[in-house]
C-alpha cells in the first residue's frame, strides 16, 4: 500500500515489470489540451519544452492539470542543462527526457542534474517537492527511486555508444528519436539501415537492463516497435491530432 504523502511513479513501475507504457506528446503549450489528453487513458503526457510552445509557468500549471486525469506528467527538457532539469523536477515532473545524449559524458551530466546525492548532484529545494512526497526526511531517496530519467538516442554517434550510455547508473531508459536519427545517418526513416540502428539500441537497453523507448507519430509504427521490444512509447502529439481531426471533419462536411 502506498504511504500517505508518498506518490508512486506508476509508469516506471509498469515499465520495470516489462509492460509497454503508452504516452502522448504535447507541444501546443495549452494547459487545457494537456489536461484533456490526460483523461483519455494515456499512461503519461510528455510536455515538449525542446520544440514546443511551453514556458516554465505554463508547464508548471500543465503538470498539475495532467495530474487531474489518469496520466503522469513528464517533460522533454530544452537541453541537457543542470538548472533546467532540476527546475522541471522541482515543479512537478515525474519523468524527464533529455535530448541529444551522444556520449557517456552526456548521460552522466543528465544523472548529475536529475538525481540527488549520492547518485547525482541535484540541489534540494522546498518548492514543489510536496507534489511527490510530503516527508522532507525521505523525499530525496524517494525521488531518486520514483523519477523516470530517459535519454534521447537520436544520432549515429549515440547509436554507436548506446550500450555504454545505457550502462550509466541513474539512467532508466532511452527515448529514440527516429527522425533525427535518420537525418544523422544520412538516410530516411524505415530504410533497412535505419531499422537496424533502432534495433541495436533496443538490444543495448536489454543488455544493460534499461528500458527501450521511442517517439512516434503513427499507430502502426507504435505497434511495430512495441512488438520489437520498445516499452516507453509515445504515439503522437496534440497539434498533429488536432489538425488531423479538423481535416477529417472538414472533408466529411464537404463529402470528400
C-alpha atoms as a PDB file:
ATOM      1  CA  UNK A   1       0.000   0.000   0.000  1.00  0.00           C
ATOM      2  CA  UNK A   2       1.241   3.483  -0.833  1.00  0.00           C
ATOM      3  CA  UNK A   3       2.155   5.512   2.243  1.00  0.00           C
ATOM      4  CA  UNK A   4       0.300   8.724   2.954  1.00  0.00           C
ATOM      5  CA  UNK A   5       2.052  11.606   1.276  1.00  0.00           C
ATOM      6  CA  UNK A   6       4.197   9.367  -0.936  1.00  0.00           C
ATOM      7  CA  UNK A   7       3.489   9.194  -4.658  1.00  0.00           C
ATOM      8  CA  UNK A   8       4.456   6.184  -6.748  1.00  0.00           C
ATOM      9  CA  UNK A   9       5.512   6.533 -10.372  1.00  0.00           C
ATOM     10  CA  UNK A  10       3.071   4.038 -11.863  1.00  0.00           C
ATOM     11  CA  UNK A  11       4.643   4.409 -15.308  1.00  0.00           C
ATOM     12  CA  UNK A  12       8.097   3.474 -14.048  1.00  0.00           C
ATOM     13  CA  UNK A  13       6.706   0.515 -12.123  1.00  0.00           C
ATOM     14  CA  UNK A  14       4.843  -0.693 -15.205  1.00  0.00           C
ATOM     15  CA  UNK A  15       7.993  -0.401 -17.312  1.00  0.00           C
ATOM     16  CA  UNK A  16      10.068  -2.256 -14.736  1.00  0.00           C
ATOM     17  CA  UNK A  17       7.568  -5.118 -14.958  1.00  0.00           C
ATOM     18  CA  UNK A  18       8.349  -5.298 -18.667  1.00  0.00           C
ATOM     19  CA  UNK A  19       4.986  -3.932 -19.794  1.00  0.00           C
ATOM     20  CA  UNK A  20       4.571  -1.314 -22.534  1.00  0.00           C
ATOM     21  CA  UNK A  21       3.593   2.141 -21.308  1.00  0.00           C
ATOM     22  CA  UNK A  22       1.860   4.321 -23.889  1.00  0.00           C
ATOM     23  CA  UNK A  23       2.021   8.099 -23.766  1.00  0.00           C
ATOM     24  CA  UNK A  24       1.420  11.218 -25.813  1.00  0.00           C
ATOM     25  CA  UNK A  25       3.418  14.354 -26.533  1.00  0.00           C
ATOM     26  CA  UNK A  26       2.101  17.873 -26.016  1.00  0.00           C
ATOM     27  CA  UNK A  27       3.699  20.822 -27.755  1.00  0.00           C
ATOM     28  CA  UNK A  28       0.960  23.413 -28.233  1.00  0.00           C
ATOM     29  CA  UNK A  29       1.593  24.982 -24.844  1.00  0.00           C
ATOM     30  CA  UNK A  30      -2.085  24.587 -23.911  1.00  0.00           C
ATOM     31  CA  UNK A  31      -2.754  23.547 -20.325  1.00  0.00           C
ATOM     32  CA  UNK A  32      -6.344  22.635 -21.182  1.00  0.00           C
ATOM     33  CA  UNK A  33      -5.299  20.473 -24.133  1.00  0.00           C
ATOM     34  CA  UNK A  34      -2.792  18.642 -21.922  1.00  0.00           C
ATOM     35  CA  UNK A  35      -5.475  18.064 -19.295  1.00  0.00           C
ATOM     36  CA  UNK A  36      -7.903  16.764 -21.929  1.00  0.00           C
ATOM     37  CA  UNK A  37      -5.324  14.264 -23.208  1.00  0.00           C
ATOM     38  CA  UNK A  38      -4.620  13.111 -19.649  1.00  0.00           C
ATOM     39  CA  UNK A  39      -8.223  11.926 -19.343  1.00  0.00           C
ATOM     40  CA  UNK A  40      -8.382   9.559 -22.327  1.00  0.00           C
ATOM     41  CA  UNK A  41      -6.253   6.742 -20.898  1.00  0.00           C
ATOM     42  CA  UNK A  42      -2.627   7.545 -21.737  1.00  0.00           C
ATOM     43  CA  UNK A  43      -0.168   6.470 -19.068  1.00  0.00           C
ATOM     44  CA  UNK A  44       1.751   9.751 -19.294  1.00  0.00           C
ATOM     45  CA  UNK A  45       1.947  13.041 -21.173  1.00  0.00           C
ATOM     46  CA  UNK A  46       5.361  14.390 -22.244  1.00  0.00           C
ATOM     47  CA  UNK A  47       5.361  18.188 -22.400  1.00  0.00           C
ATOM     48  CA  UNK A  48       7.820  19.128 -25.137  1.00  0.00           C
ATOM     49  CA  UNK A  49       9.906  22.048 -23.920  1.00  0.00           C
ATOM     50  CA  UNK A  50      12.573  21.490 -26.576  1.00  0.00           C
ATOM     51  CA  UNK A  51      10.385  22.095 -29.621  1.00  0.00           C
ATOM     52  CA  UNK A  52       7.012  23.049 -28.137  1.00  0.00           C
ATOM     53  CA  UNK A  53       5.441  26.323 -27.006  1.00  0.00           C
ATOM     54  CA  UNK A  54       5.727  25.749 -23.247  1.00  0.00           C
ATOM     55  CA  UNK A  55       7.063  28.313 -20.797  1.00  0.00           C
ATOM     56  CA  UNK A  56       8.216  27.496 -17.287  1.00  0.00           C
ATOM     57  CA  UNK A  57       4.992  28.947 -15.899  1.00  0.00           C
ATOM     58  CA  UNK A  58       2.646  27.150 -18.287  1.00  0.00           C
ATOM     59  CA  UNK A  59       4.432  23.825 -17.872  1.00  0.00           C
ATOM     60  CA  UNK A  60       4.041  24.058 -14.084  1.00  0.00           C
ATOM     61  CA  UNK A  61       0.285  24.543 -14.459  1.00  0.00           C
ATOM     62  CA  UNK A  62       0.123  21.741 -17.020  1.00  0.00           C
ATOM     63  CA  UNK A  63       1.845  19.275 -14.671  1.00  0.00           C
ATOM     64  CA  UNK A  64      -0.918  19.854 -12.146  1.00  0.00           C
ATOM     65  CA  UNK A  65      -3.673  19.781 -14.762  1.00  0.00           C
ATOM     66  CA  UNK A  66      -2.396  16.457 -16.112  1.00  0.00           C
ATOM     67  CA  UNK A  67      -2.465  15.024 -12.596  1.00  0.00           C
ATOM     68  CA  UNK A  68      -6.243  15.601 -12.544  1.00  0.00           C
ATOM     69  CA  UNK A  69      -6.560  12.826 -15.124  1.00  0.00           C
ATOM     70  CA  UNK A  70      -5.126   9.319 -15.209  1.00  0.00           C
ATOM     71  CA  UNK A  71      -1.775  10.245 -16.789  1.00  0.00           C
ATOM     72  CA  UNK A  72       1.527  11.142 -15.152  1.00  0.00           C
ATOM     73  CA  UNK A  73       3.234  14.440 -16.051  1.00  0.00           C
ATOM     74  CA  UNK A  74       6.600  14.249 -17.810  1.00  0.00           C
ATOM     75  CA  UNK A  75       8.642  16.664 -19.901  1.00  0.00           C
ATOM     76  CA  UNK A  76      11.359  16.798 -22.515  1.00  0.00           C
ATOM     77  CA  UNK A  77      13.777  19.432 -21.295  1.00  0.00           C
ATOM     78  CA  UNK A  78      15.152  22.044 -23.715  1.00  0.00           C
ATOM     79  CA  UNK A  79      18.730  20.877 -23.287  1.00  0.00           C
ATOM     80  CA  UNK A  80      20.969  18.797 -21.063  1.00  0.00           C
ATOM     81  CA  UNK A  81      21.287  21.573 -18.510  1.00  0.00           C
ATOM     82  CA  UNK A  82      21.670  21.130 -14.739  1.00  0.00           C
ATOM     83  CA  UNK A  83      19.408  24.029 -13.799  1.00  0.00           C
ATOM     84  CA  UNK A  84      16.688  23.297 -16.348  1.00  0.00           C
ATOM     85  CA  UNK A  85      16.398  19.618 -15.416  1.00  0.00           C
ATOM     86  CA  UNK A  86      16.320  20.271 -11.680  1.00  0.00           C
ATOM     87  CA  UNK A  87      13.751  23.012 -12.074  1.00  0.00           C
ATOM     88  CA  UNK A  88      11.379  20.781 -14.056  1.00  0.00           C
ATOM     89  CA  UNK A  89      11.585  18.161 -11.341  1.00  0.00           C
ATOM     90  CA  UNK A  90      11.047  20.769  -8.629  1.00  0.00           C
ATOM     91  CA  UNK A  91       7.806  21.954 -10.218  1.00  0.00           C
ATOM     92  CA  UNK A  92       6.263  18.535 -10.663  1.00  0.00           C
ATOM     93  CA  UNK A  93       7.676  16.381 -13.472  1.00  0.00           C
ATOM     94  CA  UNK A  94       7.538  12.668 -12.649  1.00  0.00           C
ATOM     95  CA  UNK A  95       9.828  11.939 -15.563  1.00  0.00           C
ATOM     96  CA  UNK A  96      12.316  13.832 -17.711  1.00  0.00           C
ATOM     97  CA  UNK A  97      13.530  13.131 -21.233  1.00  0.00           C
ATOM     98  CA  UNK A  98      16.948  14.631 -22.011  1.00  0.00           C
ATOM     99  CA  UNK A  99      17.624  15.293 -25.726  1.00  0.00           C
ATOM    100  CA  UNK A 100      20.798  14.851 -27.754  1.00  0.00           C
ATOM    101  CA  UNK A 101      22.668  12.491 -25.456  1.00  0.00           C
ATOM    102  CA  UNK A 102      25.535  11.283 -27.619  1.00  0.00           C
ATOM    103  CA  UNK A 103      28.099  10.007 -25.118  1.00  0.00           C
ATOM    104  CA  UNK A 104      28.676   8.579 -21.661  1.00  0.00           C
ATOM    105  CA  UNK A 105      29.667  12.067 -20.514  1.00  0.00           C
ATOM    106  CA  UNK A 106      26.318  13.446 -21.697  1.00  0.00           C
ATOM    107  CA  UNK A 107      24.473  10.686 -19.833  1.00  0.00           C
ATOM    108  CA  UNK A 108      26.453  11.304 -16.651  1.00  0.00           C
ATOM    109  CA  UNK A 109      25.621  15.005 -16.918  1.00  0.00           C
ATOM    110  CA  UNK A 110      21.906  14.168 -17.053  1.00  0.00           C
ATOM    111  CA  UNK A 111      22.169  11.930 -13.992  1.00  0.00           C
ATOM    112  CA  UNK A 112      24.038  14.630 -12.083  1.00  0.00           C
ATOM    113  CA  UNK A 113      21.122  17.003 -12.662  1.00  0.00           C
ATOM    114  CA  UNK A 114      18.229  14.593 -12.111  1.00  0.00           C
ATOM    115  CA  UNK A 115      19.365  12.506  -9.132  1.00  0.00           C
ATOM    116  CA  UNK A 116      20.023  13.588  -5.577  1.00  0.00           C
ATOM    117  CA  UNK A 117      23.286  12.558  -3.865  1.00  0.00           C
ATOM    118  CA  UNK A 118      24.895  10.117  -3.625  1.00  0.00           C
ATOM    119  CA  UNK A 119      23.800   9.091  -7.127  1.00  0.00           C
ATOM    120  CA  UNK A 120      23.777  12.611  -8.576  1.00  0.00           C
ATOM    121  CA  UNK A 121      24.143  16.235  -7.597  1.00  0.00           C
ATOM    122  CA  UNK A 122      20.598  17.600  -7.759  1.00  0.00           C
ATOM    123  CA  UNK A 123      20.087  20.558  -5.469  1.00  0.00           C
ATOM    124  CA  UNK A 124      17.424  20.323  -2.781  1.00  0.00           C
ATOM    125  CA  UNK A 125      14.658  22.887  -2.503  1.00  0.00           C
ATOM    126  CA  UNK A 126      11.332  23.341  -0.775  1.00  0.00           C
ATOM    127  CA  UNK A 127       9.111  24.481  -3.639  1.00  0.00           C
ATOM    128  CA  UNK A 128       7.151  21.802  -5.449  1.00  0.00           C
ATOM    129  CA  UNK A 129       8.515  18.800  -3.562  1.00  0.00           C
ATOM    130  CA  UNK A 130       5.138  18.109  -1.973  1.00  0.00           C
ATOM    131  CA  UNK A 131       3.961  17.059  -5.424  1.00  0.00           C
ATOM    132  CA  UNK A 132       5.874  13.791  -4.906  1.00  0.00           C
ATOM    133  CA  UNK A 133       6.145  13.465  -1.125  1.00  0.00           C
ATOM    134  CA  UNK A 134       5.164  15.378   1.990  1.00  0.00           C
ATOM    135  CA  UNK A 135       8.004  13.961   4.088  1.00  0.00           C
ATOM    136  CA  UNK A 136      11.190  16.076   3.864  1.00  0.00           C
ATOM    137  CA  UNK A 137      13.228  13.379   5.609  1.00  0.00           C
ATOM    138  CA  UNK A 138      12.581  10.772   2.931  1.00  0.00           C
ATOM    139  CA  UNK A 139      11.868  12.926  -0.107  1.00  0.00           C
ATOM    140  CA  UNK A 140      15.273  12.756  -1.783  1.00  0.00           C
ATOM    141  CA  UNK A 141      15.592   8.987  -1.509  1.00  0.00           C
ATOM    142  CA  UNK A 142      12.005   8.558  -2.686  1.00  0.00           C
ATOM    143  CA  UNK A 143      12.538  10.947  -5.608  1.00  0.00           C
ATOM    144  CA  UNK A 144      15.631   9.040  -6.753  1.00  0.00           C
ATOM    145  CA  UNK A 145      13.548   5.858  -6.800  1.00  0.00           C
ATOM    146  CA  UNK A 146      10.439   7.250  -8.467  1.00  0.00           C
ATOM    147  CA  UNK A 147      11.629   9.830 -11.023  1.00  0.00           C
ATOM    148  CA  UNK A 148      11.959   8.335 -14.503  1.00  0.00           C
ATOM    149  CA  UNK A 149      15.020   9.542 -16.415  1.00  0.00           C
ATOM    150  CA  UNK A 150      15.255   8.814 -20.133  1.00  0.00           C
ATOM    151  CA  UNK A 151      17.913   9.989 -22.561  1.00  0.00           C
ATOM    152  CA  UNK A 152      17.330  10.514 -26.255  1.00  0.00           C
ATOM    153  CA  UNK A 153      19.338   8.387 -28.644  1.00  0.00           C
ATOM    154  CA  UNK A 154      18.921  10.294 -31.897  1.00  0.00           C
ATOM    155  CA  UNK A 155      22.256  10.394 -33.721  1.00  0.00           C
ATOM    156  CA  UNK A 156      24.670   7.983 -35.355  1.00  0.00           C
ATOM    157  CA  UNK A 157      27.343   8.559 -32.648  1.00  0.00           C
ATOM    158  CA  UNK A 158      24.736   7.883 -29.945  1.00  0.00           C
ATOM    159  CA  UNK A 159      23.780   4.591 -31.579  1.00  0.00           C
ATOM    160  CA  UNK A 160      27.442   3.555 -31.673  1.00  0.00           C
ATOM    161  CA  UNK A 161      27.782   4.349 -27.953  1.00  0.00           C
ATOM    162  CA  UNK A 162      24.308   3.151 -26.947  1.00  0.00           C
ATOM    163  CA  UNK A 163      25.414   0.267 -24.745  1.00  0.00           C
ATOM    164  CA  UNK A 164      27.894   2.427 -22.814  1.00  0.00           C
ATOM    165  CA  UNK A 165      25.330   5.241 -22.482  1.00  0.00           C
ATOM    166  CA  UNK A 166      22.618   2.938 -21.197  1.00  0.00           C
ATOM    167  CA  UNK A 167      25.022   1.342 -18.712  1.00  0.00           C
ATOM    168  CA  UNK A 168      25.381   4.652 -16.827  1.00  0.00           C
ATOM    169  CA  UNK A 169      23.924   4.292 -13.338  1.00  0.00           C
ATOM    170  CA  UNK A 170      20.905   6.500 -12.814  1.00  0.00           C
ATOM    171  CA  UNK A 171      19.642   6.292 -16.398  1.00  0.00           C
ATOM    172  CA  UNK A 172      16.334   4.399 -16.516  1.00  0.00           C
ATOM    173  CA  UNK A 173      15.902   4.121 -20.256  1.00  0.00           C
ATOM    174  CA  UNK A 174      16.010   5.804 -23.629  1.00  0.00           C
ATOM    175  CA  UNK A 175      13.583   7.528 -25.975  1.00  0.00           C
ATOM    176  CA  UNK A 176      14.775   7.009 -29.528  1.00  0.00           C
ATOM    177  CA  UNK A 177      14.210   9.913 -31.913  1.00  0.00           C
ATOM    178  CA  UNK A 178      13.822   8.142 -35.273  1.00  0.00           C
ATOM    179  CA  UNK A 179      13.505  11.302 -37.367  1.00  0.00           C
ATOM    180  CA  UNK A 180      16.665  12.992 -36.128  1.00  0.00           C
ATOM    181  CA  UNK A 181      18.437   9.638 -36.189  1.00  0.00           C
ATOM    182  CA  UNK A 182      17.679   9.139 -39.879  1.00  0.00           C
ATOM    183  CA  UNK A 183      18.950  12.647 -40.659  1.00  0.00           C
ATOM    184  CA  UNK A 184      22.151  11.995 -38.725  1.00  0.00           C
ATOM    185  CA  UNK A 185      22.656   8.749 -40.636  1.00  0.00           C
ATOM    186  CA  UNK A 186      22.027  10.431 -43.986  1.00  0.00           C
ATOM    187  CA  UNK A 187      19.087   8.167 -44.754  1.00  0.00           C
ATOM    188  CA  UNK A 188      15.297   8.172 -44.478  1.00  0.00           C
ATOM    189  CA  UNK A 189      13.092   6.581 -41.799  1.00  0.00           C
ATOM    190  CA  UNK A 190      12.250   2.951 -42.406  1.00  0.00           C
ATOM    191  CA  UNK A 191      15.258   2.002 -44.511  1.00  0.00           C
ATOM    192  CA  UNK A 192      16.971  -1.271 -43.552  1.00  0.00           C
ATOM    193  CA  UNK A 193      19.966   0.535 -42.045  1.00  0.00           C
ATOM    194  CA  UNK A 194      17.701   2.876 -40.056  1.00  0.00           C
ATOM    195  CA  UNK A 195      15.633  -0.027 -38.735  1.00  0.00           C
ATOM    196  CA  UNK A 196      18.812  -1.931 -37.851  1.00  0.00           C
ATOM    197  CA  UNK A 197      20.133   1.062 -35.905  1.00  0.00           C
ATOM    198  CA  UNK A 198      16.957   1.272 -33.822  1.00  0.00           C
ATOM    199  CA  UNK A 199      17.062  -2.462 -33.174  1.00  0.00           C
ATOM    200  CA  UNK A 200      20.661  -2.151 -31.989  1.00  0.00           C
ATOM    201  CA  UNK A 201      19.628   0.487 -29.438  1.00  0.00           C
ATOM    202  CA  UNK A 202      16.822  -1.756 -28.188  1.00  0.00           C
ATOM    203  CA  UNK A 203      19.352  -4.574 -27.841  1.00  0.00           C
ATOM    204  CA  UNK A 204      21.693  -2.278 -25.893  1.00  0.00           C
ATOM    205  CA  UNK A 205      18.863  -1.469 -23.489  1.00  0.00           C
ATOM    206  CA  UNK A 206      18.045  -5.122 -22.964  1.00  0.00           C
ATOM    207  CA  UNK A 207      21.713  -5.976 -22.408  1.00  0.00           C
ATOM    208  CA  UNK A 208      22.110  -3.278 -19.743  1.00  0.00           C
ATOM    209  CA  UNK A 209      18.732  -3.859 -18.097  1.00  0.00           C
ATOM    210  CA  UNK A 210      17.350  -0.479 -19.165  1.00  0.00           C
ATOM    211  CA  UNK A 211      14.020   0.455 -20.757  1.00  0.00           C
ATOM    212  CA  UNK A 212      13.886   0.992 -24.532  1.00  0.00           C
ATOM    213  CA  UNK A 213      11.560   3.720 -25.751  1.00  0.00           C
ATOM    214  CA  UNK A 214      10.739   5.591 -28.927  1.00  0.00           C
ATOM    215  CA  UNK A 215       8.926   8.722 -30.090  1.00  0.00           C
ATOM    216  CA  UNK A 216       6.439   8.005 -32.882  1.00  0.00           C
ATOM    217  CA  UNK A 217       3.554   9.682 -34.649  1.00  0.00           C
ATOM    218  CA  UNK A 218       1.791   6.725 -36.240  1.00  0.00           C
ATOM    219  CA  UNK A 219      -0.252   3.980 -34.598  1.00  0.00           C
ATOM    220  CA  UNK A 220       1.052   1.278 -36.932  1.00  0.00           C
ATOM    221  CA  UNK A 221       4.672   2.176 -36.187  1.00  0.00           C
ATOM    222  CA  UNK A 222       3.949   2.213 -32.466  1.00  0.00           C
ATOM    223  CA  UNK A 223       2.553  -1.305 -32.657  1.00  0.00           C
ATOM    224  CA  UNK A 224       5.515  -2.447 -34.756  1.00  0.00           C
ATOM    225  CA  UNK A 225       8.137  -1.139 -32.337  1.00  0.00           C
ATOM    226  CA  UNK A 226       6.291  -2.428 -29.284  1.00  0.00           C
ATOM    227  CA  UNK A 227       6.438  -5.864 -30.912  1.00  0.00           C
ATOM    228  CA  UNK A 228      10.171  -5.233 -31.452  1.00  0.00           C
ATOM    229  CA  UNK A 229      10.675  -4.651 -27.727  1.00  0.00           C
ATOM    230  CA  UNK A 230      10.110  -0.933 -27.110  1.00  0.00           C
ATOM    231  CA  UNK A 231       8.292  -0.170 -23.872  1.00  0.00           C
ATOM    232  CA  UNK A 232       8.314   3.626 -23.304  1.00  0.00           C
ATOM    233  CA  UNK A 233       6.350   4.624 -26.402  1.00  0.00           C
ATOM    234  CA  UNK A 234       4.621   7.829 -27.468  1.00  0.00           C
ATOM    235  CA  UNK A 235       2.262   7.573 -30.428  1.00  0.00           C
ATOM    236  CA  UNK A 236       1.526  11.178 -31.413  1.00  0.00           C
ATOM    237  CA  UNK A 237       1.071  14.753 -30.254  1.00  0.00           C
ATOM    238  CA  UNK A 238      -1.673  17.270 -29.580  1.00  0.00           C
ATOM    239  CA  UNK A 239      -1.023  19.509 -32.582  1.00  0.00           C
ATOM    240  CA  UNK A 240      -0.950  16.682 -35.113  1.00  0.00           C
ATOM    241  CA  UNK A 241      -4.096  15.097 -33.718  1.00  0.00           C
ATOM    242  CA  UNK A 242      -5.963  18.393 -33.685  1.00  0.00           C
ATOM    243  CA  UNK A 243      -5.020  19.089 -37.302  1.00  0.00           C
ATOM    244  CA  UNK A 244      -5.928  15.544 -38.379  1.00  0.00           C
ATOM    245  CA  UNK A 245      -9.299  15.745 -36.651  1.00  0.00           C
ATOM    246  CA  UNK A 246     -10.047  19.129 -38.186  1.00  0.00           C
ATOM    247  CA  UNK A 247      -9.086  17.866 -41.650  1.00  0.00           C
ATOM    248  CA  UNK A 248     -11.293  14.805 -41.266  1.00  0.00           C
ATOM    249  CA  UNK A 249     -14.256  16.894 -40.083  1.00  0.00           C
ATOM    250  CA  UNK A 250     -13.898  19.350 -42.953  1.00  0.00           C
ATOM    251  CA  UNK A 251     -13.568  16.560 -45.502  1.00  0.00           C
ATOM    252  CA  UNK A 252     -16.647  14.874 -44.056  1.00  0.00           C
ATOM    253  CA  UNK A 253     -18.753  18.013 -44.275  1.00  0.00           C
ATOM    254  CA  UNK A 254     -17.622  18.546 -47.868  1.00  0.00           C
ATOM    255  CA  UNK A 255     -18.329  14.921 -48.711  1.00  0.00           C
ATOM    256  CA  UNK A 256     -14.755  14.318 -49.786  1.00  0.00           C
END
